[in-house]
Amino acid sequence: MKQIIAAALLGLGMAGAAQAADPAVGTWQRQVDDGAYAHVKMAPCGGAVCGTITRTFNNSGEYKSPNIGKTLVIDMKPEGGGKYAGKVWRPSNGKIYIGKMEVSGNSLKLSGCVAGGLICSKQTWARIN
């Protein structure tokens, strides 16, 4: 019985380590969009990665946006090689777009597209931690 419990705990620990090793996990600073930017915490959500707004800034400095705590990056599933596919929410217009994301070191490229990917808006984010 002790071996079964030990094996189960080891399996859980390894699964947690695998999720923590995901290159997208961490806090990222969004590029300025419509005069403001945010810090977004990327974390595992099921078999994907989701990003939640944790802090917001404008020309005057940090402010308490009503968007704090909202999910900006939605169900980005890894496709290998630092690439992901899912959805992205744009706070300035409240719309959800088809999303693509690529992580390379401390840089994250995010795009939101409409019309089957024909019209896209792109941003490059910087890792904070």
N, C-alpha and C. Protein backbone atom coordinates (compact mmCIF):
# COMPACT_ATOMS: atom_id res chain seq x y z
N MET A 1 0.82 -1.19 0.00
CA MET A 1 0.00 0.00 0.00
C MET A 1 0.87 1.26 0.00
N LYS A 2 1.95 1.23 0.79
CA LYS A 2 2.84 2.40 0.84
C LYS A 2 3.46 2.66 -0.53
N GLN A 3 3.74 1.59 -1.28
CA GLN A 3 4.34 1.75 -2.61
C GLN A 3 3.35 2.42 -3.57
N ILE A 4 2.08 2.07 -3.45
CA ILE A 4 1.07 2.67 -4.33
C ILE A 4 0.94 4.16 -4.04
N ILE A 5 0.89 4.51 -2.76
CA ILE A 5 0.78 5.92 -2.37
C ILE A 5 2.03 6.68 -2.82
N ALA A 6 3.20 6.10 -2.62
CA ALA A 6 4.45 6.75 -3.03
C ALA A 6 4.47 6.95 -4.54
N ALA A 7 4.03 5.95 -5.30
CA ALA A 7 4.00 6.06 -6.76
C ALA A 7 3.03 7.15 -7.20
N ALA A 8 1.87 7.21 -6.54
CA ALA A 8 0.88 8.24 -6.88
C ALA A 8 1.43 9.63 -6.61
N LEU A 9 2.08 9.82 -5.46
CA LEU A 9 2.64 11.12 -5.12
C LEU A 9 3.76 11.51 -6.08
N LEU A 10 4.58 10.54 -6.46
CA LEU A 10 5.66 10.80 -7.41
C LEU A 10 5.07 11.23 -8.76
N GLY A 11 4.01 10.54 -9.19
CA GLY A 11 3.36 10.89 -10.45
C GLY A 11 2.80 12.29 -10.42
N LEU A 12 2.17 12.67 -9.31
CA LEU A 12 1.64 14.03 -9.18
C LEU A 12 2.76 15.06 -9.20
N GLY A 13 3.84 14.77 -8.53
CA GLY A 13 4.98 15.68 -8.50
C GLY A 13 5.58 15.86 -9.87
N MET A 14 5.69 14.79 -10.64
CA MET A 14 6.25 14.88 -11.99
C MET A 14 5.32 15.66 -12.91
N ALA A 15 4.01 15.48 -12.77
CA ALA A 15 3.06 16.22 -13.59
C ALA A 15 3.15 17.71 -13.29
N GLY A 16 3.28 18.07 -12.02
CA GLY A 16 3.42 19.47 -11.64
C GLY A 16 4.70 20.07 -12.18
N ALA A 17 5.78 19.30 -12.14
CA ALA A 17 7.06 19.78 -12.66
C ALA A 17 6.99 19.99 -14.17
N ALA A 18 6.27 19.10 -14.86
CA ALA A 18 6.14 19.24 -16.31
C ALA A 18 5.38 20.52 -16.65
N GLN A 19 4.31 20.82 -15.90
CA GLN A 19 3.56 22.03 -16.16
C GLN A 19 4.39 23.27 -15.84
N ALA A 20 5.14 23.22 -14.75
CA ALA A 20 5.95 24.37 -14.35
C ALA A 20 7.04 24.65 -15.37
N ALA A 21 7.47 23.63 -16.12
CA ALA A 21 8.53 23.80 -17.10
C ALA A 21 8.03 24.41 -18.41
N ASP A 22 6.73 24.61 -18.55
CA ASP A 22 6.17 25.19 -19.76
C ASP A 22 6.79 26.58 -19.97
N PRO A 23 7.33 26.85 -21.16
CA PRO A 23 8.02 28.13 -21.38
C PRO A 23 7.12 29.36 -21.30
N ALA A 24 5.80 29.19 -21.42
CA ALA A 24 4.90 30.34 -21.36
C ALA A 24 4.53 30.72 -19.93
N VAL A 25 4.74 29.82 -18.98
CA VAL A 25 4.34 30.07 -17.60
C VAL A 25 5.22 31.17 -17.01
N GLY A 26 4.60 32.14 -16.35
CA GLY A 26 5.31 33.25 -15.73
C GLY A 26 4.48 34.52 -15.87
N THR A 27 5.09 35.65 -15.57
CA THR A 27 4.41 36.93 -15.69
C THR A 27 5.03 37.70 -16.85
N TRP A 28 4.17 38.25 -17.68
CA TRP A 28 4.58 38.94 -18.90
C TRP A 28 4.00 40.35 -18.92
N GLN A 29 4.75 41.28 -19.53
CA GLN A 29 4.26 42.64 -19.71
C GLN A 29 3.77 42.79 -21.14
N ARG A 30 2.51 43.16 -21.26
CA ARG A 30 1.91 43.40 -22.58
C ARG A 30 2.49 44.64 -23.21
N GLN A 31 2.44 44.67 -24.49
CA GLN A 31 2.79 45.86 -25.25
C GLN A 31 1.68 46.89 -25.05
N VAL A 32 1.99 48.18 -25.14
CA VAL A 32 0.98 49.23 -24.99
C VAL A 32 -0.08 49.07 -26.08
N ASP A 33 -1.35 49.11 -25.66
CA ASP A 33 -2.48 49.00 -26.57
C ASP A 33 -3.54 50.00 -26.12
N ASP A 34 -3.92 50.90 -26.98
CA ASP A 34 -4.90 51.93 -26.65
C ASP A 34 -4.49 52.74 -25.41
N GLY A 35 -3.20 53.05 -25.30
CA GLY A 35 -2.70 53.90 -24.23
C GLY A 35 -2.46 53.24 -22.89
N ALA A 36 -2.62 51.92 -22.81
CA ALA A 36 -2.42 51.23 -21.53
C ALA A 36 -1.72 49.89 -21.77
N TYR A 37 -1.18 49.33 -20.70
CA TYR A 37 -0.61 47.99 -20.78
C TYR A 37 -0.85 47.28 -19.46
N ALA A 38 -0.58 45.98 -19.47
CA ALA A 38 -0.87 45.18 -18.28
C ALA A 38 0.22 44.16 -18.04
N HIS A 39 0.25 43.65 -16.82
CA HIS A 39 1.04 42.47 -16.49
C HIS A 39 0.07 41.30 -16.53
N VAL A 40 0.47 40.23 -17.19
CA VAL A 40 -0.39 39.06 -17.37
C VAL A 40 0.32 37.84 -16.80
N LYS A 41 -0.33 37.16 -15.87
CA LYS A 41 0.23 35.95 -15.29
C LYS A 41 -0.27 34.75 -16.08
N MET A 42 0.68 34.05 -16.70
CA MET A 42 0.37 32.85 -17.48
C MET A 42 0.57 31.64 -16.58
N ALA A 43 -0.43 30.77 -16.56
CA ALA A 43 -0.39 29.59 -15.69
C ALA A 43 -1.12 28.44 -16.38
N PRO A 44 -0.78 27.20 -16.00
CA PRO A 44 -1.49 26.05 -16.56
C PRO A 44 -2.98 26.11 -16.23
N CYS A 45 -3.80 25.71 -17.21
CA CYS A 45 -5.24 25.60 -17.00
C CYS A 45 -5.69 24.36 -17.76
N GLY A 46 -5.80 23.26 -17.05
CA GLY A 46 -6.08 21.99 -17.71
C GLY A 46 -4.86 21.60 -18.53
N GLY A 47 -5.04 21.22 -19.78
CA GLY A 47 -3.92 20.88 -20.65
C GLY A 47 -3.42 22.05 -21.46
N ALA A 48 -3.79 23.26 -21.07
CA ALA A 48 -3.43 24.46 -21.82
C ALA A 48 -2.77 25.47 -20.89
N VAL A 49 -2.57 26.68 -21.41
CA VAL A 49 -2.04 27.80 -20.63
C VAL A 49 -3.05 28.94 -20.76
N CYS A 50 -3.34 29.60 -19.64
CA CYS A 50 -4.24 30.76 -19.63
C CYS A 50 -3.52 31.94 -18.99
N GLY A 51 -3.89 33.14 -19.38
CA GLY A 51 -3.25 34.34 -18.86
C GLY A 51 -4.26 35.29 -18.24
N THR A 52 -4.01 35.68 -16.99
CA THR A 52 -4.90 36.55 -16.25
C THR A 52 -4.22 37.89 -15.99
N ILE A 53 -4.97 38.98 -16.16
CA ILE A 53 -4.44 40.32 -15.93
C ILE A 53 -4.26 40.52 -14.42
N THR A 54 -3.03 40.88 -14.01
CA THR A 54 -2.75 41.06 -12.59
C THR A 54 -2.53 42.52 -12.20
N ARG A 55 -2.00 43.33 -13.11
CA ARG A 55 -1.76 44.75 -12.84
C ARG A 55 -1.98 45.51 -14.14
N THR A 56 -2.37 46.79 -14.02
CA THR A 56 -2.60 47.62 -15.20
C THR A 56 -1.92 48.98 -15.04
N PHE A 57 -1.48 49.53 -16.17
CA PHE A 57 -0.73 50.78 -16.18
C PHE A 57 -1.18 51.65 -17.35
N ASN A 58 -1.07 52.97 -17.16
CA ASN A 58 -1.27 53.92 -18.26
C ASN A 58 -0.20 55.01 -18.13
N ASN A 59 -0.37 56.12 -18.83
CA ASN A 59 0.63 57.20 -18.79
C ASN A 59 0.86 57.77 -17.40
N SER A 60 -0.13 57.65 -16.52
CA SER A 60 -0.02 58.18 -15.15
C SER A 60 0.59 57.19 -14.18
N GLY A 61 0.81 55.95 -14.63
CA GLY A 61 1.35 54.91 -13.75
C GLY A 61 0.35 53.79 -13.55
N GLU A 62 0.51 53.07 -12.43
CA GLU A 62 -0.37 51.94 -12.16
C GLU A 62 -1.76 52.43 -11.75
N TYR A 63 -2.78 51.75 -12.24
CA TYR A 63 -4.15 52.08 -11.86
C TYR A 63 -4.95 50.79 -11.71
N LYS A 64 -6.09 50.86 -11.06
CA LYS A 64 -6.94 49.70 -10.80
C LYS A 64 -8.00 49.59 -11.89
N SER A 65 -7.67 48.88 -12.93
CA SER A 65 -8.60 48.67 -14.03
C SER A 65 -9.67 47.64 -13.63
N PRO A 66 -10.87 47.77 -14.16
CA PRO A 66 -11.89 46.75 -13.91
C PRO A 66 -11.54 45.42 -14.57
N ASN A 67 -10.49 45.40 -15.41
CA ASN A 67 -10.07 44.17 -16.09
C ASN A 67 -9.13 43.31 -15.25
N ILE A 68 -8.66 43.81 -14.13
CA ILE A 68 -7.77 43.01 -13.27
C ILE A 68 -8.52 41.75 -12.84
N GLY A 69 -7.86 40.62 -13.00
CA GLY A 69 -8.45 39.34 -12.64
C GLY A 69 -9.15 38.65 -13.81
N LYS A 70 -9.30 39.35 -14.93
CA LYS A 70 -9.96 38.75 -16.09
C LYS A 70 -8.95 37.97 -16.94
N THR A 71 -9.46 36.94 -17.62
CA THR A 71 -8.61 36.09 -18.46
C THR A 71 -8.45 36.74 -19.83
N LEU A 72 -7.21 36.98 -20.21
CA LEU A 72 -6.87 37.61 -21.48
C LEU A 72 -6.46 36.56 -22.51
N VAL A 73 -5.66 35.59 -22.06
CA VAL A 73 -5.19 34.50 -22.92
C VAL A 73 -5.99 33.26 -22.51
N ILE A 74 -6.72 32.68 -23.46
CA ILE A 74 -7.69 31.64 -23.17
C ILE A 74 -7.30 30.31 -23.81
N ASP A 75 -7.10 29.29 -22.98
CA ASP A 75 -6.89 27.91 -23.44
C ASP A 75 -5.87 27.78 -24.58
N MET A 76 -4.69 28.35 -24.39
CA MET A 76 -3.62 28.21 -25.38
C MET A 76 -3.00 26.83 -25.23
N LYS A 77 -3.26 25.98 -26.20
CA LYS A 77 -2.76 24.61 -26.16
C LYS A 77 -1.40 24.54 -26.85
N PRO A 78 -0.43 23.88 -26.21
CA PRO A 78 0.89 23.77 -26.82
C PRO A 78 0.85 22.93 -28.09
N GLU A 79 1.58 23.41 -29.10
CA GLU A 79 1.70 22.70 -30.37
C GLU A 79 3.13 22.22 -30.61
N GLY A 80 4.01 22.49 -29.65
CA GLY A 80 5.41 22.11 -29.79
C GLY A 80 6.26 23.26 -30.28
N GLY A 81 7.53 23.24 -29.91
CA GLY A 81 8.46 24.27 -30.36
C GLY A 81 8.15 25.66 -29.84
N GLY A 82 7.47 25.76 -28.68
CA GLY A 82 7.14 27.05 -28.11
C GLY A 82 5.92 27.72 -28.74
N LYS A 83 5.19 26.98 -29.59
CA LYS A 83 4.01 27.53 -30.26
C LYS A 83 2.74 27.02 -29.59
N TYR A 84 1.71 27.88 -29.59
CA TYR A 84 0.44 27.59 -28.94
C TYR A 84 -0.70 28.10 -29.83
N ALA A 85 -1.88 27.51 -29.64
CA ALA A 85 -3.07 27.97 -30.33
C ALA A 85 -4.23 27.97 -29.34
N GLY A 86 -5.05 29.02 -29.40
CA GLY A 86 -6.20 29.14 -28.51
C GLY A 86 -6.98 30.38 -28.86
N LYS A 87 -7.30 31.17 -27.83
CA LYS A 87 -8.07 32.39 -28.03
C LYS A 87 -7.46 33.52 -27.22
N VAL A 88 -7.76 34.74 -27.62
CA VAL A 88 -7.28 35.91 -26.89
C VAL A 88 -8.40 36.95 -26.83
N TRP A 89 -8.53 37.57 -25.66
CA TRP A 89 -9.56 38.60 -25.44
C TRP A 89 -8.90 39.96 -25.50
N ARG A 90 -9.49 40.90 -26.22
CA ARG A 90 -8.98 42.27 -26.29
C ARG A 90 -9.86 43.16 -25.42
N PRO A 91 -9.33 43.62 -24.28
CA PRO A 91 -10.12 44.42 -23.35
C PRO A 91 -10.71 45.69 -23.95
N SER A 92 -10.01 46.33 -24.87
CA SER A 92 -10.48 47.62 -25.39
C SER A 92 -11.79 47.52 -26.17
N ASN A 93 -12.08 46.34 -26.75
CA ASN A 93 -13.35 46.21 -27.48
C ASN A 93 -14.19 45.04 -26.98
N GLY A 94 -13.66 44.27 -26.02
CA GLY A 94 -14.42 43.17 -25.43
C GLY A 94 -14.59 41.95 -26.33
N LYS A 95 -13.86 41.89 -27.43
CA LYS A 95 -14.02 40.78 -28.37
C LYS A 95 -12.98 39.68 -28.12
N ILE A 96 -13.36 38.46 -28.47
CA ILE A 96 -12.46 37.30 -28.37
C ILE A 96 -12.07 36.90 -29.79
N TYR A 97 -10.76 36.68 -29.98
CA TYR A 97 -10.21 36.37 -31.29
C TYR A 97 -9.53 35.01 -31.29
N ILE A 98 -9.36 34.44 -32.47
CA ILE A 98 -8.54 33.24 -32.63
C ILE A 98 -7.13 33.67 -32.27
N GLY A 99 -6.48 32.92 -31.37
CA GLY A 99 -5.17 33.34 -30.91
C GLY A 99 -4.06 32.37 -31.25
N LYS A 100 -2.90 32.93 -31.48
CA LYS A 100 -1.66 32.16 -31.66
C LYS A 100 -0.62 32.81 -30.78
N MET A 101 0.28 32.00 -30.28
CA MET A 101 1.30 32.49 -29.38
C MET A 101 2.58 31.72 -29.65
N GLU A 102 3.71 32.41 -29.54
CA GLU A 102 5.01 31.76 -29.68
C GLU A 102 5.95 32.34 -28.63
N VAL A 103 6.57 31.45 -27.86
CA VAL A 103 7.50 31.85 -26.81
C VAL A 103 8.91 31.49 -27.23
N SER A 104 9.81 32.46 -27.10
CA SER A 104 11.22 32.25 -27.37
C SER A 104 12.01 33.00 -26.30
N GLY A 105 12.53 32.25 -25.31
CA GLY A 105 13.26 32.88 -24.22
C GLY A 105 12.37 33.82 -23.43
N ASN A 106 12.74 35.09 -23.37
CA ASN A 106 11.97 36.09 -22.61
C ASN A 106 11.06 36.94 -23.49
N SER A 107 10.74 36.42 -24.66
CA SER A 107 9.86 37.11 -25.60
C SER A 107 8.67 36.23 -25.94
N LEU A 108 7.49 36.82 -25.95
CA LEU A 108 6.27 36.11 -26.29
C LEU A 108 5.56 36.90 -27.38
N LYS A 109 5.35 36.26 -28.52
CA LYS A 109 4.63 36.91 -29.61
C LYS A 109 3.21 36.37 -29.61
N LEU A 110 2.25 37.29 -29.57
CA LEU A 110 0.84 36.92 -29.47
C LEU A 110 0.09 37.58 -30.62
N SER A 111 -0.80 36.83 -31.25
CA SER A 111 -1.63 37.42 -32.30
C SER A 111 -3.08 37.01 -32.09
N GLY A 112 -3.97 37.92 -32.44
CA GLY A 112 -5.40 37.67 -32.43
C GLY A 112 -5.92 37.93 -33.81
N CYS A 113 -6.67 36.97 -34.37
CA CYS A 113 -7.07 37.07 -35.77
C CYS A 113 -8.57 36.88 -35.97
N VAL A 114 -9.06 37.43 -37.07
CA VAL A 114 -10.44 37.23 -37.52
C VAL A 114 -10.37 36.78 -38.98
N ALA A 115 -11.51 36.47 -39.54
CA ALA A 115 -11.61 36.07 -40.95
C ALA A 115 -10.69 34.90 -41.26
N GLY A 116 -10.68 33.91 -40.39
CA GLY A 116 -9.87 32.72 -40.62
C GLY A 116 -8.38 32.97 -40.62
N GLY A 117 -7.95 34.03 -39.94
CA GLY A 117 -6.53 34.35 -39.85
C GLY A 117 -6.05 35.33 -40.91
N LEU A 118 -6.96 35.88 -41.70
CA LEU A 118 -6.55 36.82 -42.74
C LEU A 118 -6.22 38.20 -42.18
N ILE A 119 -6.91 38.59 -41.10
CA ILE A 119 -6.68 39.91 -40.49
C ILE A 119 -6.26 39.67 -39.05
N CYS A 120 -5.03 40.07 -38.72
CA CYS A 120 -4.49 39.82 -37.39
C CYS A 120 -3.89 41.08 -36.78
N SER A 121 -3.94 41.12 -35.46
CA SER A 121 -3.26 42.15 -34.69
C SER A 121 -2.22 41.42 -33.86
N LYS A 122 -1.01 41.95 -33.81
CA LYS A 122 0.09 41.26 -33.12
C LYS A 122 0.72 42.13 -32.06
N GLN A 123 1.24 41.47 -31.03
CA GLN A 123 1.99 42.13 -29.97
C GLN A 123 3.17 41.25 -29.59
N THR A 124 4.20 41.91 -29.08
CA THR A 124 5.33 41.19 -28.49
C THR A 124 5.39 41.56 -27.02
N TRP A 125 5.38 40.57 -26.16
CA TRP A 125 5.42 40.78 -24.72
C TRP A 125 6.80 40.43 -24.18
N ALA A 126 7.14 41.03 -23.04
CA ALA A 126 8.43 40.76 -22.39
C ALA A 126 8.18 40.05 -21.05
N ARG A 127 9.01 39.05 -20.78
CA ARG A 127 8.89 38.31 -19.52
C ARG A 127 9.35 39.21 -18.37
N ILE A 128 8.54 39.24 -17.30
CA ILE A 128 8.91 39.94 -16.08
C ILE A 128 9.53 38.95 -15.10
N ASN A 129 8.91 37.77 -14.97
CA ASN A 129 9.47 36.67 -14.18
C ASN A 129 8.83 35.36 -14.55
